[in-house]
Amino acid sequence: MVVRMRATRAHRNNRRSHHALVAPTLAKCECGALARRHQACAQCGKYRGRQVIDIVARAERLSARSKRKAKEVRESGKAEKKAEAAAKKSA
């Protein structure tokens, strides 16, 4: 079936002219790192001169989380090996 009122390439491209991606605007923080405007700095945790994010606590929390995830992965691998061994013994 053919579209009766087909949009031309020009009309389609005019419509899509607003779909272009724009790079985020970056500003220099007090610490010298580039950060997105109107957001706290990821390096030092400051926003407009005030400390709003505790970077040390955040790093500790992330490291504890990654250790916990790694432990879960190791344990799940052990459980799979035990299940495979039990299956071999019963077969």
PDB file of N, CA and C in Angstrom:
ATOM      1  N   MET A   1       0.840  -1.179   0.000  1.00  0.00           N
ATOM      2  CA  MET A   1       0.000   0.000   0.000  1.00  0.00           C
ATOM      3  C   MET A   1       0.885   1.242   0.000  1.00  0.00           C
ATOM      4  N   VAL A   2       0.475   2.233  -0.732  1.00  0.00           N
ATOM      5  CA  VAL A   2       1.269   3.450  -0.889  1.00  0.00           C
ATOM      6  C   VAL A   2       0.693   4.554  -0.013  1.00  0.00           C
ATOM      7  N   VAL A   3       1.570   5.318   0.607  1.00  0.00           N
ATOM      8  CA  VAL A   3       1.137   6.451   1.417  1.00  0.00           C
ATOM      9  C   VAL A   3       0.664   7.547   0.476  1.00  0.00           C
ATOM     10  N   ARG A   4      -0.541   8.046   0.699  1.00  0.00           N
ATOM     11  CA  ARG A   4      -1.125   8.998  -0.238  1.00  0.00           C
ATOM     12  C   ARG A   4      -0.484  10.382  -0.135  1.00  0.00           C
ATOM     13  N   MET A   5      -0.337  10.890   1.080  1.00  0.00           N
ATOM     14  CA  MET A   5       0.243  12.230   1.260  1.00  0.00           C
ATOM     15  C   MET A   5       1.628  12.072   1.879  1.00  0.00           C
ATOM     16  N   ARG A   6       2.535  11.576   1.102  1.00  0.00           N
ATOM     17  CA  ARG A   6       3.883  11.297   1.578  1.00  0.00           C
ATOM     18  C   ARG A   6       4.656  12.596   1.824  1.00  0.00           C
ATOM     19  N   ALA A   7       5.363  12.670   2.952  1.00  0.00           N
ATOM     20  CA  ALA A   7       6.190  13.851   3.242  1.00  0.00           C
ATOM     21  C   ALA A   7       7.463  13.765   2.412  1.00  0.00           C
ATOM     22  N   THR A   8       7.824  14.860   1.792  1.00  0.00           N
ATOM     23  CA  THR A   8       9.036  14.872   0.976  1.00  0.00           C
ATOM     24  C   THR A   8      10.267  14.821   1.864  1.00  0.00           C
ATOM     25  N   ARG A   9      11.403  14.575   1.251  1.00  0.00           N
ATOM     26  CA  ARG A   9      12.661  14.545   2.005  1.00  0.00           C
ATOM     27  C   ARG A   9      12.927  15.884   2.680  1.00  0.00           C
ATOM     28  N   ALA A  10      12.586  16.961   2.012  1.00  0.00           N
ATOM     29  CA  ALA A  10      12.820  18.286   2.586  1.00  0.00           C
ATOM     30  C   ALA A  10      11.986  18.484   3.849  1.00  0.00           C
ATOM     31  N   HIS A  11      10.706  18.097   3.801  1.00  0.00           N
ATOM     32  CA  HIS A  11       9.864  18.265   4.986  1.00  0.00           C
ATOM     33  C   HIS A  11      10.325  17.363   6.122  1.00  0.00           C
ATOM     34  N   ARG A  12      10.713  16.146   5.777  1.00  0.00           N
ATOM     35  CA  ARG A  12      11.206  15.230   6.802  1.00  0.00           C
ATOM     36  C   ARG A  12      12.471  15.787   7.454  1.00  0.00           C
ATOM     37  N   ASN A  13      13.397  16.290   6.648  1.00  0.00           N
ATOM     38  CA  ASN A  13      14.648  16.814   7.181  1.00  0.00           C
ATOM     39  C   ASN A  13      14.443  18.099   7.964  1.00  0.00           C
ATOM     40  N   ASN A  14      13.500  18.929   7.539  1.00  0.00           N
ATOM     41  CA  ASN A  14      13.189  20.138   8.311  1.00  0.00           C
ATOM     42  C   ASN A  14      12.673  19.754   9.698  1.00  0.00           C
ATOM     43  N   ARG A  15      11.861  18.731   9.767  1.00  0.00           N
ATOM     44  CA  ARG A  15      11.338  18.286  11.048  1.00  0.00           C
ATOM     45  C   ARG A  15      12.466  17.763  11.941  1.00  0.00           C
ATOM     46  N   ARG A  16      13.400  17.063  11.347  1.00  0.00           N
ATOM     47  CA  ARG A  16      14.492  16.461  12.105  1.00  0.00           C
ATOM     48  C   ARG A  16      15.628  17.438  12.414  1.00  0.00           C
ATOM     49  N   SER A  17      15.552  18.643  11.928  1.00  0.00           N
ATOM     50  CA  SER A  17      16.644  19.590  12.127  1.00  0.00           C
ATOM     51  C   SER A  17      16.830  19.948  13.603  1.00  0.00           C
ATOM     52  N   HIS A  18      15.819  19.712  14.425  1.00  0.00           N
ATOM     53  CA  HIS A  18      15.900  20.041  15.849  1.00  0.00           C
ATOM     54  C   HIS A  18      16.344  18.851  16.693  1.00  0.00           C
ATOM     55  N   HIS A  19      16.668  17.727  16.067  1.00  0.00           N
ATOM     56  CA  HIS A  19      17.006  16.522  16.810  1.00  0.00           C
ATOM     57  C   HIS A  19      18.491  16.404  17.132  1.00  0.00           C
ATOM     58  N   ALA A  20      19.289  17.378  16.747  1.00  0.00           N
ATOM     59  CA  ALA A  20      20.730  17.289  16.953  1.00  0.00           C
ATOM     60  C   ALA A  20      21.060  17.300  18.447  1.00  0.00           C
ATOM     61  N   LEU A  21      22.074  16.529  18.842  1.00  0.00           N
ATOM     62  CA  LEU A  21      22.517  16.505  20.228  1.00  0.00           C
ATOM     63  C   LEU A  21      23.432  17.694  20.497  1.00  0.00           C
ATOM     64  N   VAL A  22      23.356  18.217  21.698  1.00  0.00           N
ATOM     65  CA  VAL A  22      24.177  19.366  22.084  1.00  0.00           C
ATOM     66  C   VAL A  22      25.109  18.922  23.202  1.00  0.00           C
ATOM     67  N   ALA A  23      26.377  19.284  23.101  1.00  0.00           N
ATOM     68  CA  ALA A  23      27.349  18.930  24.137  1.00  0.00           C
ATOM     69  C   ALA A  23      27.011  19.680  25.425  1.00  0.00           C
ATOM     70  N   PRO A  24      27.188  19.042  26.579  1.00  0.00           N
ATOM     71  CA  PRO A  24      26.884  19.721  27.840  1.00  0.00           C
ATOM     72  C   PRO A  24      27.842  20.887  28.079  1.00  0.00           C
ATOM     73  N   THR A  25      27.324  21.943  28.666  1.00  0.00           N
ATOM     74  CA  THR A  25      28.130  23.110  28.975  1.00  0.00           C
ATOM     75  C   THR A  25      28.885  22.852  30.276  1.00  0.00           C
ATOM     76  N   LEU A  26      30.190  23.025  30.239  1.00  0.00           N
ATOM     77  CA  LEU A  26      31.019  22.753  31.404  1.00  0.00           C
ATOM     78  C   LEU A  26      31.585  24.055  31.958  1.00  0.00           C
ATOM     79  N   ALA A  27      31.773  24.080  33.260  1.00  0.00           N
ATOM     80  CA  ALA A  27      32.367  25.233  33.928  1.00  0.00           C
ATOM     81  C   ALA A  27      33.471  24.733  34.848  1.00  0.00           C
ATOM     82  N   LYS A  28      34.444  25.587  35.131  1.00  0.00           N
ATOM     83  CA  LYS A  28      35.527  25.200  36.031  1.00  0.00           C
ATOM     84  C   LYS A  28      35.074  25.348  37.474  1.00  0.00           C
ATOM     85  N   CYS A  29      35.366  24.318  38.238  1.00  0.00           N
ATOM     86  CA  CYS A  29      35.060  24.334  39.674  1.00  0.00           C
ATOM     87  C   CYS A  29      36.201  25.037  40.411  1.00  0.00           C
ATOM     88  N   GLU A  30      36.011  25.273  41.717  1.00  0.00           N
ATOM     89  CA  GLU A  30      37.066  25.855  42.544  1.00  0.00           C
ATOM     90  C   GLU A  30      38.294  24.963  42.583  1.00  0.00           C
ATOM     91  N   CYS A  31      38.054  23.641  42.498  1.00  0.00           N
ATOM     92  CA  CYS A  31      39.172  22.699  42.569  1.00  0.00           C
ATOM     93  C   CYS A  31      39.908  22.591  41.236  1.00  0.00           C
ATOM     94  N   GLY A  32      39.359  23.192  40.191  1.00  0.00           N
ATOM     95  CA  GLY A  32      40.010  23.181  38.888  1.00  0.00           C
ATOM     96  C   GLY A  32      39.448  22.156  37.930  1.00  0.00           C
ATOM     97  N   ALA A  33      38.567  21.290  38.406  1.00  0.00           N
ATOM     98  CA  ALA A  33      37.978  20.265  37.551  1.00  0.00           C
ATOM     99  C   ALA A  33      36.818  20.858  36.755  1.00  0.00           C
ATOM    100  N   LEU A  34      36.540  20.253  35.610  1.00  0.00           N
ATOM    101  CA  LEU A  34      35.388  20.669  34.831  1.00  0.00           C
ATOM    102  C   LEU A  34      34.152  19.964  35.366  1.00  0.00           C
ATOM    103  N   ALA A  35      33.078  20.729  35.559  1.00  0.00           N
ATOM    104  CA  ALA A  35      31.832  20.181  36.073  1.00  0.00           C
ATOM    105  C   ALA A  35      30.688  20.767  35.263  1.00  0.00           C
ATOM    106  N   ARG A  36      29.585  20.031  35.207  1.00  0.00           N
ATOM    107  CA  ARG A  36      28.407  20.549  34.522  1.00  0.00           C
ATOM    108  C   ARG A  36      27.858  21.730  35.304  1.00  0.00           C
ATOM    109  N   ARG A  37      27.322  22.697  34.582  1.00  0.00           N
ATOM    110  CA  ARG A  37      26.789  23.885  35.231  1.00  0.00           C
ATOM    111  C   ARG A  37      25.556  23.532  36.062  1.00  0.00           C
ATOM    112  N   HIS A  38      25.381  24.204  37.194  1.00  0.00           N
ATOM    113  CA  HIS A  38      24.242  24.047  38.104  1.00  0.00           C
ATOM    114  C   HIS A  38      24.179  22.652  38.716  1.00  0.00           C
ATOM    115  N   GLN A  39      25.316  21.963  38.801  1.00  0.00           N
ATOM    116  CA  GLN A  39      25.381  20.664  39.459  1.00  0.00           C
ATOM    117  C   GLN A  39      26.639  20.626  40.314  1.00  0.00           C
ATOM    118  N   ALA A  40      26.608  19.802  41.342  1.00  0.00           N
ATOM    119  CA  ALA A  40      27.760  19.690  42.237  1.00  0.00           C
ATOM    120  C   ALA A  40      28.934  19.059  41.501  1.00  0.00           C
ATOM    121  N   CYS A  41      30.134  19.449  41.873  1.00  0.00           N
ATOM    122  CA  CYS A  41      31.355  18.914  41.267  1.00  0.00           C
ATOM    123  C   CYS A  41      31.545  17.471  41.711  1.00  0.00           C
ATOM    124  N   ALA A  42      31.864  16.595  40.785  1.00  0.00           N
ATOM    125  CA  ALA A  42      32.067  15.183  41.110  1.00  0.00           C
ATOM    126  C   ALA A  42      33.408  14.957  41.797  1.00  0.00           C
ATOM    127  N   GLN A  43      34.361  15.870  41.629  1.00  0.00           N
ATOM    128  CA  GLN A  43      35.691  15.696  42.205  1.00  0.00           C
ATOM    129  C   GLN A  43      35.756  16.123  43.665  1.00  0.00           C
ATOM    130  N   CYS A  44      35.220  17.316  43.955  1.00  0.00           N
ATOM    131  CA  CYS A  44      35.350  17.846  45.322  1.00  0.00           C
ATOM    132  C   CYS A  44      34.019  17.884  46.079  1.00  0.00           C
ATOM    133  N   GLY A  45      32.888  17.759  45.386  1.00  0.00           N
ATOM    134  CA  GLY A  45      31.585  17.737  46.043  1.00  0.00           C
ATOM    135  C   GLY A  45      31.045  19.104  46.414  1.00  0.00           C
ATOM    136  N   LYS A  46      31.597  20.164  45.825  1.00  0.00           N
ATOM    137  CA  LYS A  46      31.127  21.506  46.151  1.00  0.00           C
ATOM    138  C   LYS A  46      30.167  22.022  45.092  1.00  0.00           C
ATOM    139  N   TYR A  47      29.225  22.880  45.543  1.00  0.00           N
ATOM    140  CA  TYR A  47      28.325  23.576  44.638  1.00  0.00           C
ATOM    141  C   TYR A  47      28.190  24.997  45.141  1.00  0.00           C
ATOM    142  N   ARG A  48      28.533  25.949  44.325  1.00  0.00           N
ATOM    143  CA  ARG A  48      28.492  27.377  44.650  1.00  0.00           C
ATOM    144  C   ARG A  48      29.253  27.687  45.936  1.00  0.00           C
ATOM    145  N   GLY A  49      30.413  27.045  46.095  1.00  0.00           N
ATOM    146  CA  GLY A  49      31.271  27.324  47.228  1.00  0.00           C
ATOM    147  C   GLY A  49      30.946  26.568  48.499  1.00  0.00           C
ATOM    148  N   ARG A  50      29.855  25.789  48.503  1.00  0.00           N
ATOM    149  CA  ARG A  50      29.472  25.028  49.694  1.00  0.00           C
ATOM    150  C   ARG A  50      29.733  23.548  49.465  1.00  0.00           C
ATOM    151  N   GLN A  51      30.106  22.843  50.507  1.00  0.00           N
ATOM    152  CA  GLN A  51      30.309  21.397  50.433  1.00  0.00           C
ATOM    153  C   GLN A  51      28.938  20.728  50.528  1.00  0.00           C
ATOM    154  N   VAL A  52      28.480  20.078  49.456  1.00  0.00           N
ATOM    155  CA  VAL A  52      27.153  19.462  49.462  1.00  0.00           C
ATOM    156  C   VAL A  52      27.215  17.943  49.361  1.00  0.00           C
ATOM    157  N   ILE A  53      28.344  17.382  48.934  1.00  0.00           N
ATOM    158  CA  ILE A  53      28.509  15.936  48.836  1.00  0.00           C
ATOM    159  C   ILE A  53      29.768  15.548  49.602  1.00  0.00           C
ATOM    160  N   ASP A  54      29.638  14.547  50.472  1.00  0.00           N
ATOM    161  CA  ASP A  54      30.795  14.045  51.201  1.00  0.00           C
ATOM    162  C   ASP A  54      31.487  13.009  50.318  1.00  0.00           C
ATOM    163  N   ILE A  55      32.543  13.419  49.631  1.00  0.00           N
ATOM    164  CA  ILE A  55      33.227  12.579  48.652  1.00  0.00           C
ATOM    165  C   ILE A  55      33.887  11.369  49.308  1.00  0.00           C
ATOM    166  N   VAL A  56      34.461  11.541  50.495  1.00  0.00           N
ATOM    167  CA  VAL A  56      35.150  10.437  51.179  1.00  0.00           C
ATOM    168  C   VAL A  56      34.147   9.343  51.535  1.00  0.00           C
ATOM    169  N   ALA A  57      33.014   9.726  52.115  1.00  0.00           N
ATOM    170  CA  ALA A  57      31.998   8.738  52.496  1.00  0.00           C
ATOM    171  C   ALA A  57      31.447   8.046  51.259  1.00  0.00           C
ATOM    172  N   ARG A  58      31.291   8.793  50.189  1.00  0.00           N
ATOM    173  CA  ARG A  58      30.773   8.213  48.938  1.00  0.00           C
ATOM    174  C   ARG A  58      31.750   7.179  48.382  1.00  0.00           C
ATOM    175  N   ALA A  59      33.039   7.487  48.406  1.00  0.00           N
ATOM    176  CA  ALA A  59      34.052   6.554  47.907  1.00  0.00           C
ATOM    177  C   ALA A  59      34.069   5.287  48.763  1.00  0.00           C
ATOM    178  N   GLU A  60      33.962   5.443  50.079  1.00  0.00           N
ATOM    179  CA  GLU A  60      33.932   4.273  50.964  1.00  0.00           C
ATOM    180  C   GLU A  60      32.705   3.417  50.688  1.00  0.00           C
ATOM    181  N   ARG A  61      31.569   4.062  50.482  1.00  0.00           N
ATOM    182  CA  ARG A  61      30.329   3.342  50.219  1.00  0.00           C
ATOM    183  C   ARG A  61      30.418   2.568  48.905  1.00  0.00           C
ATOM    184  N   LEU A  62      30.985   3.181  47.880  1.00  0.00           N
ATOM    185  CA  LEU A  62      31.125   2.517  46.593  1.00  0.00           C
ATOM    186  C   LEU A  62      32.112   1.357  46.656  1.00  0.00           C
ATOM    187  N   SER A  63      33.215   1.523  47.401  1.00  0.00           N
ATOM    188  CA  SER A  63      34.182   0.436  47.501  1.00  0.00           C
ATOM    189  C   SER A  63      33.590  -0.739  48.276  1.00  0.00           C
ATOM    190  N   ALA A  64      32.830  -0.455  49.332  1.00  0.00           N
ATOM    191  CA  ALA A  64      32.179  -1.529  50.097  1.00  0.00           C
ATOM    192  C   ALA A  64      31.168  -2.258  49.218  1.00  0.00           C
ATOM    193  N   ARG A  65      30.462  -1.502  48.401  1.00  0.00           N
ATOM    194  CA  ARG A  65      29.469  -2.112  47.506  1.00  0.00           C
ATOM    195  C   ARG A  65      30.145  -3.018  46.489  1.00  0.00           C
ATOM    196  N   SER A  66      31.256  -2.559  45.909  1.00  0.00           N
ATOM    197  CA  SER A  66      31.940  -3.373  44.907  1.00  0.00           C
ATOM    198  C   SER A  66      32.524  -4.640  45.537  1.00  0.00           C
ATOM    199  N   LYS A  67      33.031  -4.534  46.776  1.00  0.00           N
ATOM    200  CA  LYS A  67      33.536  -5.722  47.479  1.00  0.00           C
ATOM    201  C   LYS A  67      32.410  -6.715  47.737  1.00  0.00           C
ATOM    202  N   ARG A  68      31.253  -6.198  48.155  1.00  0.00           N
ATOM    203  CA  ARG A  68      30.112  -7.057  48.439  1.00  0.00           C
ATOM    204  C   ARG A  68      29.632  -7.755  47.164  1.00  0.00           C
ATOM    205  N   LYS A  69      29.591  -7.029  46.048  1.00  0.00           N
ATOM    206  CA  LYS A  69      29.177  -7.614  44.775  1.00  0.00           C
ATOM    207  C   LYS A  69      30.153  -8.693  44.332  1.00  0.00           C
ATOM    208  N   ALA A  70      31.457  -8.437  44.480  1.00  0.00           N
ATOM    209  CA  ALA A  70      32.462  -9.416  44.082  1.00  0.00           C
ATOM    210  C   ALA A  70      32.321 -10.687  44.916  1.00  0.00           C
ATOM    211  N   LYS A  71      32.051 -10.522  46.195  1.00  0.00           N
ATOM    212  CA  LYS A  71      31.874 -11.675  47.081  1.00  0.00           C
ATOM    213  C   LYS A  71      30.656 -12.487  46.645  1.00  0.00           C
ATOM    214  N   GLU A  72      29.554 -11.798  46.299  1.00  0.00           N
ATOM    215  CA  GLU A  72      28.345 -12.486  45.838  1.00  0.00           C
ATOM    216  C   GLU A  72      28.609 -13.257  44.553  1.00  0.00           C
ATOM    217  N   VAL A  73      29.379 -12.685  43.657  1.00  0.00           N
ATOM    218  CA  VAL A  73      29.696 -13.356  42.395  1.00  0.00           C
ATOM    219  C   VAL A  73      30.529 -14.609  42.660  1.00  0.00           C
ATOM    220  N   ARG A  74      31.514 -14.487  43.545  1.00  0.00           N
ATOM    221  CA  ARG A  74      32.347 -15.654  43.879  1.00  0.00           C
ATOM    222  C   ARG A  74      31.498 -16.757  44.497  1.00  0.00           C
ATOM    223  N   GLU A  75      30.611 -16.377  45.429  1.00  0.00           N
ATOM    224  CA  GLU A  75      29.775 -17.375  46.095  1.00  0.00           C
ATOM    225  C   GLU A  75      28.797 -18.018  45.132  1.00  0.00           C
ATOM    226  N   SER A  76      28.260 -17.261  44.194  1.00  0.00           N
ATOM    227  CA  SER A  76      27.324 -17.835  43.228  1.00  0.00           C
ATOM    228  C   SER A  76      28.049 -18.822  42.323  1.00  0.00           C
ATOM    229  N   GLY A  77      29.304 -18.551  41.999  1.00  0.00           N
ATOM    230  CA  GLY A  77      30.097 -19.481  41.199  1.00  0.00           C
ATOM    231  C   GLY A  77      30.349 -20.770  41.946  1.00  0.00           C
ATOM    232  N   LYS A  78      30.603 -20.679  43.259  1.00  0.00           N
ATOM    233  CA  LYS A  78      30.814 -21.871  44.086  1.00  0.00           C
ATOM    234  C   LYS A  78      29.534 -22.702  44.150  1.00  0.00           C
ATOM    235  N   ALA A  79      28.389 -22.029  44.279  1.00  0.00           N
ATOM    236  CA  ALA A  79      27.118 -22.729  44.361  1.00  0.00           C
ATOM    237  C   ALA A  79      26.836 -23.478  43.057  1.00  0.00           C
ATOM    238  N   GLU A  80      27.161 -22.863  41.926  1.00  0.00           N
ATOM    239  CA  GLU A  80      26.959 -23.516  40.636  1.00  0.00           C
ATOM    240  C   GLU A  80      27.857 -24.737  40.511  1.00  0.00           C
ATOM    241  N   LYS A  81      29.091 -24.629  40.957  1.00  0.00           N
ATOM    242  CA  LYS A  81      30.020 -25.763  40.882  1.00  0.00           C
ATOM    243  C   LYS A  81      29.527 -26.912  41.767  1.00  0.00           C
ATOM    244  N   LYS A  82      29.009 -26.587  42.967  1.00  0.00           N
ATOM    245  CA  LYS A  82      28.479 -27.616  43.846  1.00  0.00           C
ATOM    246  C   LYS A  82      27.282 -28.311  43.206  1.00  0.00           C
ATOM    247  N   ALA A  83      26.415 -27.536  42.563  1.00  0.00           N
ATOM    248  CA  ALA A  83      25.237 -28.103  41.906  1.00  0.00           C
ATOM    249  C   ALA A  83      25.657 -29.029  40.759  1.00  0.00           C
ATOM    250  N   GLU A  84      26.670 -28.618  40.002  1.00  0.00           N
ATOM    251  CA  GLU A  84      27.168 -29.440  38.899  1.00  0.00           C
ATOM    252  C   GLU A  84      27.773 -30.745  39.437  1.00  0.00           C
ATOM    253  N   ALA A  85      28.525 -30.657  40.527  1.00  0.00           N
ATOM    254  CA  ALA A  85      29.133 -31.844  41.118  1.00  0.00           C
ATOM    255  C   ALA A  85      28.061 -32.790  41.627  1.00  0.00           C
ATOM    256  N   ALA A  86      27.023 -32.253  42.260  1.00  0.00           N
ATOM    257  CA  ALA A  86      25.927 -33.095  42.751  1.00  0.00           C
ATOM    258  C   ALA A  86      25.186 -33.751  41.593  1.00  0.00           C
ATOM    259  N   ALA A  87      25.029 -33.048  40.508  1.00  0.00           N
ATOM    260  CA  ALA A  87      24.351 -33.603  39.328  1.00  0.00           C
ATOM    261  C   ALA A  87      25.182 -34.732  38.724  1.00  0.00           C
ATOM    262  N   LYS A  88      26.489 -34.586  38.703  1.00  0.00           N
ATOM    263  CA  LYS A  88      27.366 -35.628  38.156  1.00  0.00           C
ATOM    264  C   LYS A  88      27.332 -36.874  39.030  1.00  0.00           C
ATOM    265  N   LYS A  89      27.296 -36.681  40.369  1.00  0.00           N
ATOM    266  CA  LYS A  89      27.271 -37.821  41.273  1.00  0.00           C
ATOM    267  C   LYS A  89      25.959 -38.608  41.138  1.00  0.00           C
ATOM    268  N   SER A  90      24.868 -37.887  40.998  1.00  0.00           N
ATOM    269  CA  SER A  90      23.552 -38.560  40.902  1.00  0.00           C
ATOM    270  C   SER A  90      23.369 -39.225  39.536  1.00  0.00           C
ATOM    271  N   ALA A  91      24.081 -38.775  38.528  1.00  0.00           N
ATOM    272  CA  ALA A  91      23.913 -39.355  37.190  1.00  0.00           C
ATOM    273  C   ALA A  91      24.729 -40.585  36.964  1.00  0.00           C
TER     274      ALA A  91
END
